[in-house]
Amino acid sequence: MTTEPDNKLITREEYIADIKARWSLFVKEWNALIEDTKKLIAFLEPYFVKVIDTVKGWISKIKTKKD
């Protein structure tokens, strides 16, 4: 014999409060993600610039050798 669990439905006010709390947490986490992404880009930017400059130098050398 199985008994069904006693499920209590929350009120509309509790539901709305839950949605607001979840949305607030989402916004907080989203903003943290944006800030972390900005920090990552700022950290990696000098390395990308160095790689681009190096490749440009190689291309210039290759063009010079062709001429």
PDB file of N, CA and C in Angstrom:
ATOM      1  N   MET A   1       0.842  -1.165   0.000  1.00  0.00           N
ATOM      2  CA  MET A   1       0.000   0.000   0.000  1.00  0.00           C
ATOM      3  C   MET A   1       0.902   1.248   0.000  1.00  0.00           C
ATOM      4  N   THR A   2       0.669   2.101  -0.958  1.00  0.00           N
ATOM      5  CA  THR A   2       1.452   3.328  -1.069  1.00  0.00           C
ATOM      6  C   THR A   2       0.616   4.515  -0.617  1.00  0.00           C
ATOM      7  N   THR A   3       1.286   5.370   0.073  1.00  0.00           N
ATOM      8  CA  THR A   3       0.600   6.589   0.492  1.00  0.00           C
ATOM      9  C   THR A   3       1.170   7.750  -0.309  1.00  0.00           C
ATOM     10  N   GLU A   4       0.302   8.610  -0.685  1.00  0.00           N
ATOM     11  CA  GLU A   4       0.755   9.779  -1.437  1.00  0.00           C
ATOM     12  C   GLU A   4       1.321  10.807  -0.461  1.00  0.00           C
ATOM     13  N   PRO A   5       2.396  11.462  -0.876  1.00  0.00           N
ATOM     14  CA  PRO A   5       2.978  12.470   0.019  1.00  0.00           C
ATOM     15  C   PRO A   5       2.036  13.656   0.177  1.00  0.00           C
ATOM     16  N   ASP A   6       2.151  14.289   1.312  1.00  0.00           N
ATOM     17  CA  ASP A   6       1.341  15.489   1.557  1.00  0.00           C
ATOM     18  C   ASP A   6       2.035  16.681   0.915  1.00  0.00           C
ATOM     19  N   ASN A   7       1.519  17.074  -0.225  1.00  0.00           N
ATOM     20  CA  ASN A   7       2.081  18.226  -0.930  1.00  0.00           C
ATOM     21  C   ASN A   7       1.272  19.458  -0.587  1.00  0.00           C
ATOM     22  N   LYS A   8       1.975  20.450  -0.063  1.00  0.00           N
ATOM     23  CA  LYS A   8       1.320  21.704   0.288  1.00  0.00           C
ATOM     24  C   LYS A   8       1.625  22.713  -0.807  1.00  0.00           C
ATOM     25  N   LEU A   9       0.609  23.258  -1.401  1.00  0.00           N
ATOM     26  CA  LEU A   9       0.802  24.288  -2.406  1.00  0.00           C
ATOM     27  C   LEU A   9       1.102  25.608  -1.716  1.00  0.00           C
ATOM     28  N   ILE A  10       2.006  26.354  -2.337  1.00  0.00           N
ATOM     29  CA  ILE A  10       2.322  27.650  -1.751  1.00  0.00           C
ATOM     30  C   ILE A  10       1.294  28.673  -2.227  1.00  0.00           C
ATOM     31  N   THR A  11       1.178  29.724  -1.479  1.00  0.00           N
ATOM     32  CA  THR A  11       0.225  30.781  -1.847  1.00  0.00           C
ATOM     33  C   THR A  11       0.777  31.598  -2.997  1.00  0.00           C
ATOM     34  N   ARG A  12      -0.086  32.377  -3.594  1.00  0.00           N
ATOM     35  CA  ARG A  12       0.331  33.238  -4.693  1.00  0.00           C
ATOM     36  C   ARG A  12       1.408  34.213  -4.237  1.00  0.00           C
ATOM     37  N   GLU A  13       1.261  34.765  -3.051  1.00  0.00           N
ATOM     38  CA  GLU A  13       2.240  35.719  -2.526  1.00  0.00           C
ATOM     39  C   GLU A  13       3.602  35.044  -2.324  1.00  0.00           C
ATOM     40  N   GLU A  14       3.581  33.818  -1.802  1.00  0.00           N
ATOM     41  CA  GLU A  14       4.838  33.084  -1.615  1.00  0.00           C
ATOM     42  C   GLU A  14       5.486  32.788  -2.965  1.00  0.00           C
ATOM     43  N   TYR A  15       4.655  32.450  -3.952  1.00  0.00           N
ATOM     44  CA  TYR A  15       5.158  32.158  -5.292  1.00  0.00           C
ATOM     45  C   TYR A  15       5.817  33.392  -5.900  1.00  0.00           C
ATOM     46  N   ILE A  16       5.167  34.530  -5.783  1.00  0.00           N
ATOM     47  CA  ILE A  16       5.712  35.782  -6.320  1.00  0.00           C
ATOM     48  C   ILE A  16       7.002  36.149  -5.590  1.00  0.00           C
ATOM     49  N   ALA A  17       7.023  35.984  -4.274  1.00  0.00           N
ATOM     50  CA  ALA A  17       8.240  36.269  -3.499  1.00  0.00           C
ATOM     51  C   ALA A  17       9.377  35.341  -3.936  1.00  0.00           C
ATOM     52  N   ASP A  18       9.057  34.086  -4.223  1.00  0.00           N
ATOM     53  CA  ASP A  18      10.066  33.128  -4.676  1.00  0.00           C
ATOM     54  C   ASP A  18      10.623  33.536  -6.036  1.00  0.00           C
ATOM     55  N   ILE A  19       9.742  33.944  -6.934  1.00  0.00           N
ATOM     56  CA  ILE A  19      10.184  34.392  -8.259  1.00  0.00           C
ATOM     57  C   ILE A  19      11.104  35.605  -8.121  1.00  0.00           C
ATOM     58  N   LYS A  20      10.721  36.545  -7.277  1.00  0.00           N
ATOM     59  CA  LYS A  20      11.545  37.752  -7.080  1.00  0.00           C
ATOM     60  C   LYS A  20      12.911  37.394  -6.505  1.00  0.00           C
ATOM     61  N   ALA A  21      12.937  36.468  -5.565  1.00  0.00           N
ATOM     62  CA  ALA A  21      14.204  36.053  -4.959  1.00  0.00           C
ATOM     63  C   ALA A  21      15.092  35.353  -5.995  1.00  0.00           C
ATOM     64  N   ARG A  22      14.485  34.487  -6.795  1.00  0.00           N
ATOM     65  CA  ARG A  22      15.262  33.784  -7.826  1.00  0.00           C
ATOM     66  C   ARG A  22      15.780  34.753  -8.885  1.00  0.00           C
ATOM     67  N   TRP A  23      14.935  35.717  -9.278  1.00  0.00           N
ATOM     68  CA  TRP A  23      15.353  36.705 -10.271  1.00  0.00           C
ATOM     69  C   TRP A  23      16.497  37.552  -9.726  1.00  0.00           C
ATOM     70  N   SER A  24      16.400  37.946  -8.480  1.00  0.00           N
ATOM     71  CA  SER A  24      17.449  38.739  -7.851  1.00  0.00           C
ATOM     72  C   SER A  24      18.774  37.976  -7.842  1.00  0.00           C
ATOM     73  N   LEU A  25      18.713  36.707  -7.510  1.00  0.00           N
ATOM     74  CA  LEU A  25      19.918  35.877  -7.514  1.00  0.00           C
ATOM     75  C   LEU A  25      20.475  35.744  -8.929  1.00  0.00           C
ATOM     76  N   PHE A  26      19.591  35.547  -9.909  1.00  0.00           N
ATOM     77  CA  PHE A  26      20.030  35.449 -11.301  1.00  0.00           C
ATOM     78  C   PHE A  26      20.752  36.713 -11.739  1.00  0.00           C
ATOM     79  N   VAL A  27      20.168  37.870 -11.435  1.00  0.00           N
ATOM     80  CA  VAL A  27      20.769  39.152 -11.827  1.00  0.00           C
ATOM     81  C   VAL A  27      22.131  39.322 -11.161  1.00  0.00           C
ATOM     82  N   LYS A  28      22.217  38.971  -9.899  1.00  0.00           N
ATOM     83  CA  LYS A  28      23.489  39.075  -9.174  1.00  0.00           C
ATOM     84  C   LYS A  28      24.556  38.181  -9.819  1.00  0.00           C
ATOM     85  N   GLU A  29      24.187  36.945 -10.138  1.00  0.00           N
ATOM     86  CA  GLU A  29      25.138  36.010 -10.760  1.00  0.00           C
ATOM     87  C   GLU A  29      25.500  36.457 -12.174  1.00  0.00           C
ATOM     88  N   TRP A  30      24.518  36.979 -12.920  1.00  0.00           N
ATOM     89  CA  TRP A  30      24.779  37.452 -14.277  1.00  0.00           C
ATOM     90  C   TRP A  30      25.777  38.613 -14.245  1.00  0.00           C
ATOM     91  N   ASN A  31      25.572  39.560 -13.328  1.00  0.00           N
ATOM     92  CA  ASN A  31      26.488  40.691 -13.215  1.00  0.00           C
ATOM     93  C   ASN A  31      27.891  40.234 -12.809  1.00  0.00           C
ATOM     94  N   ALA A  32      27.967  39.229 -11.954  1.00  0.00           N
ATOM     95  CA  ALA A  32      29.275  38.685 -11.566  1.00  0.00           C
ATOM     96  C   ALA A  32      29.949  38.045 -12.780  1.00  0.00           C
ATOM     97  N   LEU A  33      29.173  37.352 -13.604  1.00  0.00           N
ATOM     98  CA  LEU A  33      29.727  36.750 -14.821  1.00  0.00           C
ATOM     99  C   LEU A  33      30.275  37.817 -15.765  1.00  0.00           C
ATOM    100  N   ILE A  34      29.524  38.897 -15.934  1.00  0.00           N
ATOM    101  CA  ILE A  34      29.970  39.993 -16.801  1.00  0.00           C
ATOM    102  C   ILE A  34      31.273  40.592 -16.276  1.00  0.00           C
ATOM    103  N   GLU A  35      31.345  40.833 -14.983  1.00  0.00           N
ATOM    104  CA  GLU A  35      32.558  41.401 -14.388  1.00  0.00           C
ATOM    105  C   GLU A  35      33.751  40.452 -14.548  1.00  0.00           C
ATOM    106  N   ASP A  36      33.531  39.164 -14.320  1.00  0.00           N
ATOM    107  CA  ASP A  36      34.610  38.188 -14.484  1.00  0.00           C
ATOM    108  C   ASP A  36      35.073  38.111 -15.932  1.00  0.00           C
ATOM    109  N   THR A  37      34.127  38.211 -16.861  1.00  0.00           N
ATOM    110  CA  THR A  37      34.475  38.187 -18.281  1.00  0.00           C
ATOM    111  C   THR A  37      35.303  39.408 -18.653  1.00  0.00           C
ATOM    112  N   LYS A  38      34.932  40.565 -18.129  1.00  0.00           N
ATOM    113  CA  LYS A  38      35.710  41.783 -18.386  1.00  0.00           C
ATOM    114  C   LYS A  38      37.134  41.636 -17.842  1.00  0.00           C
ATOM    115  N   LYS A  39      37.265  41.064 -16.653  1.00  0.00           N
ATOM    116  CA  LYS A  39      38.594  40.862 -16.070  1.00  0.00           C
ATOM    117  C   LYS A  39      39.414  39.886 -16.899  1.00  0.00           C
ATOM    118  N   LEU A  40      38.773  38.834 -17.405  1.00  0.00           N
ATOM    119  CA  LEU A  40      39.473  37.857 -18.248  1.00  0.00           C
ATOM    120  C   LEU A  40      39.959  38.502 -19.531  1.00  0.00           C
ATOM    121  N   ILE A  41      39.113  39.300 -20.150  1.00  0.00           N
ATOM    122  CA  ILE A  41      39.505  39.982 -21.389  1.00  0.00           C
ATOM    123  C   ILE A  41      40.663  40.934 -21.126  1.00  0.00           C
ATOM    124  N   ALA A  42      40.596  41.684 -20.031  1.00  0.00           N
ATOM    125  CA  ALA A  42      41.683  42.614 -19.694  1.00  0.00           C
ATOM    126  C   ALA A  42      42.983  41.860 -19.433  1.00  0.00           C
ATOM    127  N   PHE A  43      42.878  40.667 -18.829  1.00  0.00           N
ATOM    128  CA  PHE A  43      44.059  39.864 -18.549  1.00  0.00           C
ATOM    129  C   PHE A  43      44.663  39.309 -19.836  1.00  0.00           C
ATOM    130  N   LEU A  44      43.826  38.854 -20.760  1.00  0.00           N
ATOM    131  CA  LEU A  44      44.310  38.210 -21.978  1.00  0.00           C
ATOM    132  C   LEU A  44      44.693  39.179 -23.095  1.00  0.00           C
ATOM    133  N   GLU A  45      44.197  40.402 -23.032  1.00  0.00           N
ATOM    134  CA  GLU A  45      44.424  41.370 -24.108  1.00  0.00           C
ATOM    135  C   GLU A  45      45.897  41.559 -24.468  1.00  0.00           C
ATOM    136  N   PRO A  46      46.814  41.734 -23.506  1.00  0.00           N
ATOM    137  CA  PRO A  46      48.216  41.918 -23.887  1.00  0.00           C
ATOM    138  C   PRO A  46      48.786  40.707 -24.640  1.00  0.00           C
ATOM    139  N   TYR A  47      48.347  39.520 -24.284  1.00  0.00           N
ATOM    140  CA  TYR A  47      48.831  38.319 -24.968  1.00  0.00           C
ATOM    141  C   TYR A  47      48.318  38.270 -26.405  1.00  0.00           C
ATOM    142  N   PHE A  48      47.051  38.631 -26.614  1.00  0.00           N
ATOM    143  CA  PHE A  48      46.509  38.654 -27.962  1.00  0.00           C
ATOM    144  C   PHE A  48      47.204  39.712 -28.816  1.00  0.00           C
ATOM    145  N   VAL A  49      47.468  40.860 -28.228  1.00  0.00           N
ATOM    146  CA  VAL A  49      48.164  41.923 -28.962  1.00  0.00           C
ATOM    147  C   VAL A  49      49.555  41.442 -29.370  1.00  0.00           C
ATOM    148  N   LYS A  50      50.244  40.758 -28.472  1.00  0.00           N
ATOM    149  CA  LYS A  50      51.575  40.242 -28.773  1.00  0.00           C
ATOM    150  C   LYS A  50      51.519  39.215 -29.901  1.00  0.00           C
ATOM    151  N   VAL A  51      50.544  38.337 -29.856  1.00  0.00           N
ATOM    152  CA  VAL A  51      50.394  37.329 -30.914  1.00  0.00           C
ATOM    153  C   VAL A  51      50.111  38.001 -32.250  1.00  0.00           C
ATOM    154  N   ILE A  52      49.212  38.974 -32.266  1.00  0.00           N
ATOM    155  CA  ILE A  52      48.873  39.673 -33.505  1.00  0.00           C
ATOM    156  C   ILE A  52      50.090  40.404 -34.055  1.00  0.00           C
ATOM    157  N   ASP A  53      50.838  41.079 -33.193  1.00  0.00           N
ATOM    158  CA  ASP A  53      52.043  41.777 -33.647  1.00  0.00           C
ATOM    159  C   ASP A  53      53.068  40.797 -34.204  1.00  0.00           C
ATOM    160  N   THR A  54      53.220  39.643 -33.571  1.00  0.00           N
ATOM    161  CA  THR A  54      54.165  38.632 -34.040  1.00  0.00           C
ATOM    162  C   THR A  54      53.759  38.112 -35.416  1.00  0.00           C
ATOM    163  N   VAL A  55      52.486  37.819 -35.586  1.00  0.00           N
ATOM    164  CA  VAL A  55      52.006  37.319 -36.878  1.00  0.00           C
ATOM    165  C   VAL A  55      52.161  38.389 -37.951  1.00  0.00           C
ATOM    166  N   LYS A  56      51.872  39.638 -37.612  1.00  0.00           N
ATOM    167  CA  LYS A  56      52.068  40.724 -38.579  1.00  0.00           C
ATOM    168  C   LYS A  56      53.536  40.806 -38.998  1.00  0.00           C
ATOM    169  N   GLY A  57      54.442  40.621 -38.044  1.00  0.00           N
ATOM    170  CA  GLY A  57      55.873  40.627 -38.366  1.00  0.00           C
ATOM    171  C   GLY A  57      56.239  39.497 -39.306  1.00  0.00           C
ATOM    172  N   TRP A  58      55.699  38.312 -39.062  1.00  0.00           N
ATOM    173  CA  TRP A  58      55.964  37.171 -39.942  1.00  0.00           C
ATOM    174  C   TRP A  58      55.440  37.433 -41.357  1.00  0.00           C
ATOM    175  N   ILE A  59      54.242  38.016 -41.427  1.00  0.00           N
ATOM    176  CA  ILE A  59      53.660  38.312 -42.741  1.00  0.00           C
ATOM    177  C   ILE A  59      54.514  39.338 -43.473  1.00  0.00           C
ATOM    178  N   SER A  60      55.000  40.337 -42.752  1.00  0.00           N
ATOM    179  CA  SER A  60      55.866  41.347 -43.375  1.00  0.00           C
ATOM    180  C   SER A  60      57.143  40.710 -43.905  1.00  0.00           C
ATOM    181  N   LYS A  61      57.732  39.791 -43.138  1.00  0.00           N
ATOM    182  CA  LYS A  61      58.947  39.106 -43.581  1.00  0.00           C
ATOM    183  C   LYS A  61      58.677  38.271 -44.827  1.00  0.00           C
ATOM    184  N   ILE A  62      57.536  37.602 -44.855  1.00  0.00           N
ATOM    185  CA  ILE A  62      57.193  36.765 -46.003  1.00  0.00           C
ATOM    186  C   ILE A  62      56.981  37.636 -47.239  1.00  0.00           C
ATOM    187  N   LYS A  63      56.296  38.768 -47.077  1.00  0.00           N
ATOM    188  CA  LYS A  63      56.076  39.687 -48.214  1.00  0.00           C
ATOM    189  C   LYS A  63      57.392  40.252 -48.706  1.00  0.00           C
ATOM    190  N   THR A  64      58.310  40.561 -47.778  1.00  0.00           N
ATOM    191  CA  THR A  64      59.597  41.125 -48.144  1.00  0.00           C
ATOM    192  C   THR A  64      60.410  40.105 -48.941  1.00  0.00           C
ATOM    193  N   LYS A  65      60.368  38.850 -48.552  1.00  0.00           N
ATOM    194  CA  LYS A  65      61.115  37.809 -49.253  1.00  0.00           C
ATOM    195  C   LYS A  65      60.566  37.567 -50.646  1.00  0.00           C
ATOM    196  N   LYS A  66      59.238  37.739 -50.848  1.00  0.00           N
ATOM    197  CA  LYS A  66      58.635  37.545 -52.167  1.00  0.00           C
ATOM    198  C   LYS A  66      59.046  38.643 -53.131  1.00  0.00           C
ATOM    199  N   ASP A  67      59.188  39.859 -52.616  1.00  0.00           N
ATOM    200  CA  ASP A  67      59.508  41.016 -53.486  1.00  0.00           C
ATOM    201  C   ASP A  67      60.919  41.004 -53.865  1.00  0.00           C
TER     202      ASP A  67
END
